[in-house]
Protein backbone atom coordinates (compact mmCIF):
# COMPACT_ATOMS: atom_id res chain seq x y z
CA UNK A 1 0.00 0.00 0.00
CA UNK A 2 1.49 3.35 -1.02
CA UNK A 3 1.96 6.24 1.39
CA UNK A 4 -0.75 8.26 -0.35
CA UNK A 5 -3.12 5.29 -0.18
CA UNK A 6 -2.44 4.84 3.55
CA UNK A 7 -3.02 8.56 4.11
CA UNK A 8 -6.25 8.48 2.12
CA UNK A 9 -7.51 5.43 4.02
CA UNK A 10 -6.72 7.00 7.40
CA UNK A 11 -8.21 10.36 6.41
CA UNK A 12 -11.43 8.70 5.18
CA UNK A 13 -11.74 6.82 8.47
CA UNK A 14 -11.21 10.00 10.49
CA UNK A 15 -13.78 11.94 8.46
CA UNK A 16 -16.36 9.13 8.70
CA UNK A 17 -15.78 8.53 12.40
CA UNK A 18 -14.88 11.96 13.77
CA UNK A 19 -16.29 14.48 11.32
CA UNK A 20 -18.50 15.80 14.09
CA UNK A 21 -15.29 16.75 15.95
CA UNK A 22 -13.78 18.63 13.02
CA UNK A 23 -12.13 15.91 10.93
CA UNK A 24 -12.71 17.03 7.36
CA UNK A 25 -11.49 15.81 3.98
CA UNK A 26 -9.19 18.85 3.72
CA UNK A 27 -7.71 18.46 7.22
CA UNK A 28 -3.98 19.15 7.02
CA UNK A 29 -1.70 16.16 7.54
CA UNK A 30 0.21 17.98 10.30
CA UNK A 31 -2.83 19.25 12.26
CA UNK A 32 -2.45 18.06 15.88
CA UNK A 33 -5.44 15.74 16.23
CA UNK A 34 -5.23 15.48 20.01
CA UNK A 35 -4.64 19.19 20.66
CA UNK A 36 -7.50 20.19 18.33
CA UNK A 37 -9.94 17.88 20.12
CA UNK A 38 -10.50 15.73 17.07
CA UNK A 39 -9.18 12.73 19.00
CA UNK A 40 -9.40 11.79 22.64
CA UNK A 41 -8.40 8.61 24.45
CA UNK A 42 -11.53 6.76 23.35
CA UNK A 43 -11.03 7.83 19.75
CA UNK A 44 -7.43 6.56 19.84
CA UNK A 45 -8.78 3.14 20.81
CA UNK A 46 -11.15 3.28 17.83
CA UNK A 47 -8.24 4.12 15.54
CA UNK A 48 -6.22 1.24 16.96
CA UNK A 49 -9.07 -1.14 16.17
CA UNK A 50 -9.30 0.30 12.64
CA UNK A 51 -5.54 -0.01 12.07
CA UNK A 52 -5.51 -3.59 13.27
CA UNK A 53 -8.61 -4.73 11.38
CA UNK A 54 -8.40 -2.72 8.17
CA UNK A 55 -4.67 -2.15 7.71
CA UNK A 56 -3.47 -5.41 9.26
CA UNK A 57 -0.98 -4.10 11.80
CA UNK A 58 -0.69 -4.89 15.49
CA UNK A 59 -0.51 -1.91 17.84
CA UNK A 60 1.27 -2.45 21.15
CA UNK A 61 0.03 -0.54 24.19
CA UNK A 62 3.31 1.37 24.49
CA UNK A 63 2.93 2.55 20.87
CA UNK A 64 -0.30 4.46 21.59
CA UNK A 65 1.47 7.78 22.10
CA UNK A 66 1.16 11.23 20.50
CA UNK A 67 4.36 10.60 18.54
CA UNK A 68 2.43 7.94 16.60
CA UNK A 69 -1.16 9.19 16.82
CA UNK A 70 -0.76 12.97 16.98
CA UNK A 71 -1.52 13.78 13.34
CA UNK A 72 -2.42 12.14 10.06
CA UNK A 73 1.23 12.42 8.98
CA UNK A 74 2.39 10.67 12.16
CA UNK A 75 -0.20 7.93 11.72
CA UNK A 76 0.96 7.35 8.14
CA UNK A 77 4.61 7.17 9.24
CA UNK A 78 3.69 4.78 12.04
CA UNK A 79 1.63 2.48 9.77
CA UNK A 80 4.31 2.44 7.07
CA UNK A 81 6.96 1.65 9.66
CA UNK A 82 4.93 -1.22 11.07
CA UNK A 83 4.23 -2.61 7.59
CA UNK A 84 7.88 -2.45 6.55
CA UNK A 85 9.03 -4.24 9.72
CA UNK A 86 6.73 -7.24 9.04
PDB file of N, CA and C in Angstrom:
ATOM      1  N   UNK A   1       0.850  -1.171   0.000  1.00  0.00           N
ATOM      2  CA  UNK A   1       0.000   0.000   0.000  1.00  0.00           C
ATOM      3  C   UNK A   1       0.901   1.240   0.000  1.00  0.00           C
ATOM      4  N   UNK A   2       0.661   2.148  -0.906  1.00  0.00           N
ATOM      5  CA  UNK A   2       1.486   3.345  -1.018  1.00  0.00           C
ATOM      6  C   UNK A   2       1.192   4.319   0.128  1.00  0.00           C
ATOM      7  N   UNK A   3       2.129   5.239   0.334  1.00  0.00           N
ATOM      8  CA  UNK A   3       1.959   6.240   1.388  1.00  0.00           C
ATOM      9  C   UNK A   3       0.696   7.059   1.162  1.00  0.00           C
ATOM     10  N   UNK A   4       0.446   7.462  -0.077  1.00  0.00           N
ATOM     11  CA  UNK A   4      -0.754   8.263  -0.352  1.00  0.00           C
ATOM     12  C   UNK A   4      -2.027   7.444  -0.133  1.00  0.00           C
ATOM     13  N   UNK A   5      -1.966   6.162  -0.410  1.00  0.00           N
ATOM     14  CA  UNK A   5      -3.116   5.291  -0.178  1.00  0.00           C
ATOM     15  C   UNK A   5      -3.375   5.111   1.317  1.00  0.00           C
ATOM     16  N   UNK A   6      -2.304   4.950   2.095  1.00  0.00           N
ATOM     17  CA  UNK A   6      -2.436   4.844   3.554  1.00  0.00           C
ATOM     18  C   UNK A   6      -3.029   6.144   4.099  1.00  0.00           C
ATOM     19  N   UNK A   7      -2.507   7.269   3.636  1.00  0.00           N
ATOM     20  CA  UNK A   7      -3.023   8.558   4.107  1.00  0.00           C
ATOM     21  C   UNK A   7      -4.495   8.720   3.764  1.00  0.00           C
ATOM     22  N   UNK A   8      -4.869   8.373   2.553  1.00  0.00           N
ATOM     23  CA  UNK A   8      -6.255   8.483   2.123  1.00  0.00           C
ATOM     24  C   UNK A   8      -7.166   7.581   2.951  1.00  0.00           C
ATOM     25  N   UNK A   9      -6.720   6.370   3.227  1.00  0.00           N
ATOM     26  CA  UNK A   9      -7.505   5.428   4.024  1.00  0.00           C
ATOM     27  C   UNK A   9      -7.704   5.955   5.446  1.00  0.00           C
ATOM     28  N   UNK A  10      -6.638   6.457   6.041  1.00  0.00           N
ATOM     29  CA  UNK A  10      -6.722   7.003   7.400  1.00  0.00           C
ATOM     30  C   UNK A  10      -7.608   8.238   7.420  1.00  0.00           C
ATOM     31  N   UNK A  11      -7.416   9.131   6.469  1.00  0.00           N
ATOM     32  CA  UNK A  11      -8.214  10.363   6.408  1.00  0.00           C
ATOM     33  C   UNK A  11      -9.703  10.022   6.253  1.00  0.00           C
ATOM     34  N   UNK A  12     -10.023   9.085   5.379  1.00  0.00           N
ATOM     35  CA  UNK A  12     -11.425   8.705   5.179  1.00  0.00           C
ATOM     36  C   UNK A  12     -12.029   8.146   6.463  1.00  0.00           C
ATOM     37  N   UNK A  13     -11.254   7.346   7.192  1.00  0.00           N
ATOM     38  CA  UNK A  13     -11.737   6.818   8.465  1.00  0.00           C
ATOM     39  C   UNK A  13     -11.995   7.952   9.459  1.00  0.00           C
ATOM     40  N   UNK A  14     -11.057   8.880   9.555  1.00  0.00           N
ATOM     41  CA  UNK A  14     -11.208   9.997  10.489  1.00  0.00           C
ATOM     42  C   UNK A  14     -12.430  10.842  10.151  1.00  0.00           C
ATOM     43  N   UNK A  15     -12.635  11.130   8.880  1.00  0.00           N
ATOM     44  CA  UNK A  15     -13.784  11.939   8.462  1.00  0.00           C
ATOM     45  C   UNK A  15     -15.084  11.205   8.779  1.00  0.00           C
ATOM     46  N   UNK A  16     -15.139   9.910   8.465  1.00  0.00           N
ATOM     47  CA  UNK A  16     -16.355   9.133   8.704  1.00  0.00           C
ATOM     48  C   UNK A  16     -16.638   8.983  10.201  1.00  0.00           C
ATOM     49  N   UNK A  17     -15.598   8.809  10.979  1.00  0.00           N
ATOM     50  CA  UNK A  17     -15.777   8.527  12.404  1.00  0.00           C
ATOM     51  C   UNK A  17     -15.800   9.768  13.291  1.00  0.00           C
ATOM     52  N   UNK A  18     -15.052  10.798  12.890  1.00  0.00           N
ATOM     53  CA  UNK A  18     -14.879  11.957  13.770  1.00  0.00           C
ATOM     54  C   UNK A  18     -15.149  13.287  13.071  1.00  0.00           C
ATOM     55  N   UNK A  19     -15.931  13.249  12.024  1.00  0.00           N
ATOM     56  CA  UNK A  19     -16.292  14.476  11.321  1.00  0.00           C
ATOM     57  C   UNK A  19     -17.005  15.458  12.229  1.00  0.00           C
ATOM     58  N   UNK A  20     -17.774  14.940  13.156  1.00  0.00           N
ATOM     59  CA  UNK A  20     -18.502  15.804  14.087  1.00  0.00           C
ATOM     60  C   UNK A  20     -17.556  16.537  15.038  1.00  0.00           C
ATOM     61  N   UNK A  21     -16.304  16.093  15.100  1.00  0.00           N
ATOM     62  CA  UNK A  21     -15.294  16.754  15.945  1.00  0.00           C
ATOM     63  C   UNK A  21     -14.353  17.643  15.129  1.00  0.00           C
ATOM     64  N   UNK A  22     -14.596  17.745  13.847  1.00  0.00           N
ATOM     65  CA  UNK A  22     -13.783  18.626  13.024  1.00  0.00           C
ATOM     66  C   UNK A  22     -12.875  17.944  12.024  1.00  0.00           C
ATOM     67  N   UNK A  23     -12.931  16.622  11.942  1.00  0.00           N
ATOM     68  CA  UNK A  23     -12.126  15.915  10.931  1.00  0.00           C
ATOM     69  C   UNK A  23     -12.814  16.077   9.582  1.00  0.00           C
ATOM     70  N   UNK A  24     -12.148  16.777   8.675  1.00  0.00           N
ATOM     71  CA  UNK A  24     -12.710  17.026   7.355  1.00  0.00           C
ATOM     72  C   UNK A  24     -11.763  16.491   6.295  1.00  0.00           C
ATOM     73  N   UNK A  25     -12.280  16.347   5.077  1.00  0.00           N
ATOM     74  CA  UNK A  25     -11.487  15.809   3.979  1.00  0.00           C
ATOM     75  C   UNK A  25     -10.268  16.673   3.671  1.00  0.00           C
ATOM     76  N   UNK A  26     -10.323  17.967   4.004  1.00  0.00           N
ATOM     77  CA  UNK A  26      -9.193  18.854   3.725  1.00  0.00           C
ATOM     78  C   UNK A  26      -8.330  19.132   4.961  1.00  0.00           C
ATOM     79  N   UNK A  27      -8.494  18.318   6.003  1.00  0.00           N
ATOM     80  CA  UNK A  27      -7.705  18.459   7.220  1.00  0.00           C
ATOM     81  C   UNK A  27      -6.221  18.264   6.901  1.00  0.00           C
ATOM     82  N   UNK A  28      -5.408  19.221   7.299  1.00  0.00           N
ATOM     83  CA  UNK A  28      -3.976  19.146   7.023  1.00  0.00           C
ATOM     84  C   UNK A  28      -3.333  17.945   7.694  1.00  0.00           C
ATOM     85  N   UNK A  29      -2.367  17.362   7.038  1.00  0.00           N
ATOM     86  CA  UNK A  29      -1.703  16.157   7.543  1.00  0.00           C
ATOM     87  C   UNK A  29      -0.951  16.408   8.840  1.00  0.00           C
ATOM     88  N   UNK A  30      -0.565  17.653   9.100  1.00  0.00           N
ATOM     89  CA  UNK A  30       0.205  17.979  10.304  1.00  0.00           C
ATOM     90  C   UNK A  30      -0.649  18.567  11.433  1.00  0.00           C
ATOM     91  N   UNK A  31      -1.956  18.701  11.219  1.00  0.00           N
ATOM     92  CA  UNK A  31      -2.834  19.248  12.261  1.00  0.00           C
ATOM     93  C   UNK A  31      -2.774  18.330  13.479  1.00  0.00           C
ATOM     94  N   UNK A  32      -2.531  18.883  14.661  1.00  0.00           N
ATOM     95  CA  UNK A  32      -2.447  18.061  15.876  1.00  0.00           C
ATOM     96  C   UNK A  32      -3.837  17.569  16.302  1.00  0.00           C
ATOM     97  N   UNK A  33      -4.110  16.318  16.014  1.00  0.00           N
ATOM     98  CA  UNK A  33      -5.436  15.743  16.233  1.00  0.00           C
ATOM     99  C   UNK A  33      -5.857  15.752  17.700  1.00  0.00           C
ATOM    100  N   UNK A  34      -4.922  15.498  18.576  1.00  0.00           N
ATOM    101  CA  UNK A  34      -5.233  15.480  20.010  1.00  0.00           C
ATOM    102  C   UNK A  34      -5.445  16.900  20.535  1.00  0.00           C
ATOM    103  N   UNK A  35      -4.556  17.805  20.180  1.00  0.00           N
ATOM    104  CA  UNK A  35      -4.639  19.191  20.658  1.00  0.00           C
ATOM    105  C   UNK A  35      -5.882  19.913  20.131  1.00  0.00           C
ATOM    106  N   UNK A  36      -6.323  19.544  18.932  1.00  0.00           N
ATOM    107  CA  UNK A  36      -7.498  20.191  18.330  1.00  0.00           C
ATOM    108  C   UNK A  36      -8.811  19.573  18.796  1.00  0.00           C
ATOM    109  N   UNK A  37      -8.730  18.520  19.618  1.00  0.00           N
ATOM    110  CA  UNK A  37      -9.940  17.883  20.125  1.00  0.00           C
ATOM    111  C   UNK A  37     -10.609  16.938  19.143  1.00  0.00           C
ATOM    112  N   UNK A  38      -9.948  16.665  18.041  1.00  0.00           N
ATOM    113  CA  UNK A  38     -10.500  15.726  17.069  1.00  0.00           C
ATOM    114  C   UNK A  38     -10.425  14.306  17.634  1.00  0.00           C
ATOM    115  N   UNK A  39      -9.348  14.025  18.348  1.00  0.00           N
ATOM    116  CA  UNK A  39      -9.183  12.726  18.999  1.00  0.00           C
ATOM    117  C   UNK A  39      -9.075  12.893  20.500  1.00  0.00           C
ATOM    118  N   UNK A  40      -9.618  11.915  21.208  1.00  0.00           N
ATOM    119  CA  UNK A  40      -9.405  11.795  22.642  1.00  0.00           C
ATOM    120  C   UNK A  40      -9.003  10.343  22.898  1.00  0.00           C
ATOM    121  N   UNK A  41      -8.899   9.955  24.151  1.00  0.00           N
ATOM    122  CA  UNK A  41      -8.402   8.611  24.451  1.00  0.00           C
ATOM    123  C   UNK A  41      -9.310   7.520  23.885  1.00  0.00           C
ATOM    124  N   UNK A  42     -10.606   7.738  23.912  1.00  0.00           N
ATOM    125  CA  UNK A  42     -11.533   6.759  23.349  1.00  0.00           C
ATOM    126  C   UNK A  42     -11.380   6.671  21.837  1.00  0.00           C
ATOM    127  N   UNK A  43     -11.208   7.805  21.193  1.00  0.00           N
ATOM    128  CA  UNK A  43     -11.025   7.834  19.747  1.00  0.00           C
ATOM    129  C   UNK A  43      -9.737   7.118  19.341  1.00  0.00           C
ATOM    130  N   UNK A  44      -8.693   7.257  20.138  1.00  0.00           N
ATOM    131  CA  UNK A  44      -7.432   6.559  19.845  1.00  0.00           C
ATOM    132  C   UNK A  44      -7.670   5.053  19.838  1.00  0.00           C
ATOM    133  N   UNK A  45      -8.468   4.569  20.775  1.00  0.00           N
ATOM    134  CA  UNK A  45      -8.785   3.136  20.807  1.00  0.00           C
ATOM    135  C   UNK A  45      -9.547   2.713  19.552  1.00  0.00           C
ATOM    136  N   UNK A  46     -10.428   3.564  19.070  1.00  0.00           N
ATOM    137  CA  UNK A  46     -11.153   3.277  17.828  1.00  0.00           C
ATOM    138  C   UNK A  46     -10.193   3.218  16.647  1.00  0.00           C
ATOM    139  N   UNK A  47      -9.228   4.128  16.617  1.00  0.00           N
ATOM    140  CA  UNK A  47      -8.244   4.122  15.540  1.00  0.00           C
ATOM    141  C   UNK A  47      -7.390   2.859  15.611  1.00  0.00           C
ATOM    142  N   UNK A  48      -7.014   2.460  16.810  1.00  0.00           N
ATOM    143  CA  UNK A  48      -6.223   1.236  16.964  1.00  0.00           C
ATOM    144  C   UNK A  48      -6.993   0.057  16.381  1.00  0.00           C
ATOM    145  N   UNK A  49      -8.255  -0.057  16.698  1.00  0.00           N
ATOM    146  CA  UNK A  49      -9.075  -1.145  16.165  1.00  0.00           C
ATOM    147  C   UNK A  49      -9.118  -1.080  14.641  1.00  0.00           C
ATOM    148  N   UNK A  50      -9.296   0.111  14.092  1.00  0.00           N
ATOM    149  CA  UNK A  50      -9.299   0.303  12.640  1.00  0.00           C
ATOM    150  C   UNK A  50      -7.968  -0.118  12.017  1.00  0.00           C
ATOM    151  N   UNK A  51      -6.858   0.334  12.613  1.00  0.00           N
ATOM    152  CA  UNK A  51      -5.541  -0.007  12.071  1.00  0.00           C
ATOM    153  C   UNK A  51      -5.307  -1.514  12.078  1.00  0.00           C
ATOM    154  N   UNK A  52      -5.725  -2.156  13.156  1.00  0.00           N
ATOM    155  CA  UNK A  52      -5.507  -3.595  13.267  1.00  0.00           C
ATOM    156  C   UNK A  52      -6.405  -4.375  12.312  1.00  0.00           C
ATOM    157  N   UNK A  53      -7.668  -3.990  12.215  1.00  0.00           N
ATOM    158  CA  UNK A  53      -8.609  -4.730  11.377  1.00  0.00           C
ATOM    159  C   UNK A  53      -8.472  -4.396   9.895  1.00  0.00           C
ATOM    160  N   UNK A  54      -8.362  -3.131   9.575  1.00  0.00           N
ATOM    161  CA  UNK A  54      -8.395  -2.718   8.173  1.00  0.00           C
ATOM    162  C   UNK A  54      -7.019  -2.634   7.525  1.00  0.00           C
ATOM    163  N   UNK A  55      -6.004  -2.294   8.302  1.00  0.00           N
ATOM    164  CA  UNK A  55      -4.668  -2.151   7.714  1.00  0.00           C
ATOM    165  C   UNK A  55      -3.735  -3.289   8.109  1.00  0.00           C
ATOM    166  N   UNK A  56      -4.201  -4.187   8.957  1.00  0.00           N
ATOM    167  CA  UNK A  56      -3.469  -5.406   9.256  1.00  0.00           C
ATOM    168  C   UNK A  56      -2.198  -5.247  10.066  1.00  0.00           C
ATOM    169  N   UNK A  57      -2.156  -4.238  10.936  1.00  0.00           N
ATOM    170  CA  UNK A  57      -0.980  -4.097  11.803  1.00  0.00           C
ATOM    171  C   UNK A  57      -1.394  -4.335  13.244  1.00  0.00           C
ATOM    172  N   UNK A  58      -0.440  -4.718  14.071  1.00  0.00           N
ATOM    173  CA  UNK A  58      -0.686  -4.895  15.495  1.00  0.00           C
ATOM    174  C   UNK A  58      -0.102  -3.692  16.228  1.00  0.00           C
ATOM    175  N   UNK A  59      -0.918  -3.091  17.087  1.00  0.00           N
ATOM    176  CA  UNK A  59      -0.508  -1.912  17.843  1.00  0.00           C
ATOM    177  C   UNK A  59      -0.282  -2.317  19.296  1.00  0.00           C
ATOM    178  N   UNK A  60       0.949  -2.162  19.755  1.00  0.00           N
ATOM    179  CA  UNK A  60       1.267  -2.454  21.153  1.00  0.00           C
ATOM    180  C   UNK A  60       0.823  -1.281  22.024  1.00  0.00           C
ATOM    181  N   UNK A  61       0.486  -1.583  23.273  1.00  0.00           N
ATOM    182  CA  UNK A  61       0.026  -0.536  24.192  1.00  0.00           C
ATOM    183  C   UNK A  61       1.007   0.625  24.278  1.00  0.00           C
ATOM    184  N   UNK A  62       2.298   0.321  24.345  1.00  0.00           N
ATOM    185  CA  UNK A  62       3.307   1.367  24.485  1.00  0.00           C
ATOM    186  C   UNK A  62       3.478   2.217  23.221  1.00  0.00           C
ATOM    187  N   UNK A  63       2.851   1.793  22.116  1.00  0.00           N
ATOM    188  CA  UNK A  63       2.926   2.551  20.867  1.00  0.00           C
ATOM    189  C   UNK A  63       1.784   3.563  20.727  1.00  0.00           C
ATOM    190  N   UNK A  64       0.828   3.531  21.636  1.00  0.00           N
ATOM    191  CA  UNK A  64      -0.305   4.459  21.589  1.00  0.00           C
ATOM    192  C   UNK A  64       0.082   5.779  22.259  1.00  0.00           C
ATOM    193  N   UNK A  65       0.938   6.525  21.585  1.00  0.00           N
ATOM    194  CA  UNK A  65       1.472   7.780  22.097  1.00  0.00           C
ATOM    195  C   UNK A  65       1.299   8.870  21.038  1.00  0.00           C
ATOM    196  N   UNK A  66       1.324  10.136  21.467  1.00  0.00           N
ATOM    197  CA  UNK A  66       1.162  11.231  20.501  1.00  0.00           C
ATOM    198  C   UNK A  66       2.176  11.201  19.355  1.00  0.00           C
ATOM    199  N   UNK A  67       3.362  10.682  19.606  1.00  0.00           N
ATOM    200  CA  UNK A  67       4.360  10.604  18.541  1.00  0.00           C
ATOM    201  C   UNK A  67       3.869   9.746  17.382  1.00  0.00           C
ATOM    202  N   UNK A  68       2.975   8.808  17.648  1.00  0.00           N
ATOM    203  CA  UNK A  68       2.431   7.940  16.597  1.00  0.00           C
ATOM    204  C   UNK A  68       1.023   8.327  16.169  1.00  0.00           C
ATOM    205  N   UNK A  69       0.251   8.932  17.067  1.00  0.00           N
ATOM    206  CA  UNK A  69      -1.157   9.188  16.815  1.00  0.00           C
ATOM    207  C   UNK A  69      -1.507  10.673  16.824  1.00  0.00           C
ATOM    208  N   UNK A  70      -0.516  11.547  16.825  1.00  0.00           N
ATOM    209  CA  UNK A  70      -0.759  12.974  16.979  1.00  0.00           C
ATOM    210  C   UNK A  70      -1.263  13.706  15.760  1.00  0.00           C
ATOM    211  N   UNK A  71      -1.066  13.138  14.570  1.00  0.00           N
ATOM    212  CA  UNK A  71      -1.520  13.780  13.339  1.00  0.00           C
ATOM    213  C   UNK A  71      -1.683  12.711  12.267  1.00  0.00           C
ATOM    214  N   UNK A  72      -2.286  13.081  11.175  1.00  0.00           N
ATOM    215  CA  UNK A  72      -2.417  12.137  10.063  1.00  0.00           C
ATOM    216  C   UNK A  72      -1.035  11.740   9.568  1.00  0.00           C
ATOM    217  N   UNK A  73      -0.129  12.709   9.456  1.00  0.00           N
ATOM    218  CA  UNK A  73       1.227  12.416   8.979  1.00  0.00           C
ATOM    219  C   UNK A  73       1.932  11.418   9.903  1.00  0.00           C
ATOM    220  N   UNK A  74       1.767  11.591  11.206  1.00  0.00           N
ATOM    221  CA  UNK A  74       2.392  10.668  12.161  1.00  0.00           C
ATOM    222  C   UNK A  74       1.770   9.281  12.076  1.00  0.00           C
ATOM    223  N   UNK A  75       0.461   9.215  11.892  1.00  0.00           N
ATOM    224  CA  UNK A  75      -0.202   7.925  11.717  1.00  0.00           C
ATOM    225  C   UNK A  75       0.312   7.204  10.472  1.00  0.00           C
ATOM    226  N   UNK A  76       0.465   7.938   9.386  1.00  0.00           N
ATOM    227  CA  UNK A  76       0.959   7.352   8.143  1.00  0.00           C
ATOM    228  C   UNK A  76       2.376   6.816   8.340  1.00  0.00           C
ATOM    229  N   UNK A  77       3.235   7.609   8.972  1.00  0.00           N
ATOM    230  CA  UNK A  77       4.607   7.174   9.240  1.00  0.00           C
ATOM    231  C   UNK A  77       4.610   5.930  10.109  1.00  0.00           C
ATOM    232  N   UNK A  78       3.780   5.922  11.127  1.00  0.00           N
ATOM    233  CA  UNK A  78       3.685   4.785  12.042  1.00  0.00           C
ATOM    234  C   UNK A  78       3.230   3.526  11.282  1.00  0.00           C
ATOM    235  N   UNK A  79       2.159   3.634  10.519  1.00  0.00           N
ATOM    236  CA  UNK A  79       1.631   2.484   9.773  1.00  0.00           C
ATOM    237  C   UNK A  79       2.673   1.965   8.776  1.00  0.00           C
ATOM    238  N   UNK A  80       3.293   2.867   8.044  1.00  0.00           N
ATOM    239  CA  UNK A  80       4.313   2.442   7.071  1.00  0.00           C
ATOM    240  C   UNK A  80       5.490   1.760   7.758  1.00  0.00           C
ATOM    241  N   UNK A  81       5.881   2.266   8.908  1.00  0.00           N
ATOM    242  CA  UNK A  81       6.962   1.652   9.663  1.00  0.00           C
ATOM    243  C   UNK A  81       6.605   0.250  10.136  1.00  0.00           C
ATOM    244  N   UNK A  82       5.380   0.088  10.609  1.00  0.00           N
ATOM    245  CA  UNK A  82       4.925  -1.217  11.067  1.00  0.00           C
ATOM    246  C   UNK A  82       4.844  -2.201   9.895  1.00  0.00           C
ATOM    247  N   UNK A  83       4.348  -1.740   8.749  1.00  0.00           N
ATOM    248  CA  UNK A  83       4.225  -2.610   7.594  1.00  0.00           C
ATOM    249  C   UNK A  83       5.603  -3.023   7.045  1.00  0.00           C
ATOM    250  N   UNK A  84       6.560  -2.119   7.101  1.00  0.00           N
ATOM    251  CA  UNK A  84       7.885  -2.445   6.552  1.00  0.00           C
ATOM    252  C   UNK A  84       8.671  -3.362   7.494  1.00  0.00           C
ATOM    253  N   UNK A  85       8.302  -3.391   8.775  1.00  0.00           N
ATOM    254  CA  UNK A  85       9.030  -4.244   9.719  1.00  0.00           C
ATOM    255  C   UNK A  85       8.447  -5.664   9.753  1.00  0.00           C
ATOM    256  N   UNK A  86       7.338  -5.888   9.071  1.00  0.00           N
ATOM    257  CA  UNK A  86       6.731  -7.236   9.039  1.00  0.00           C
ATOM    258  C   UNK A  86       7.295  -8.075   7.928  1.00  0.00           C
TER     259      UNK A  86
END
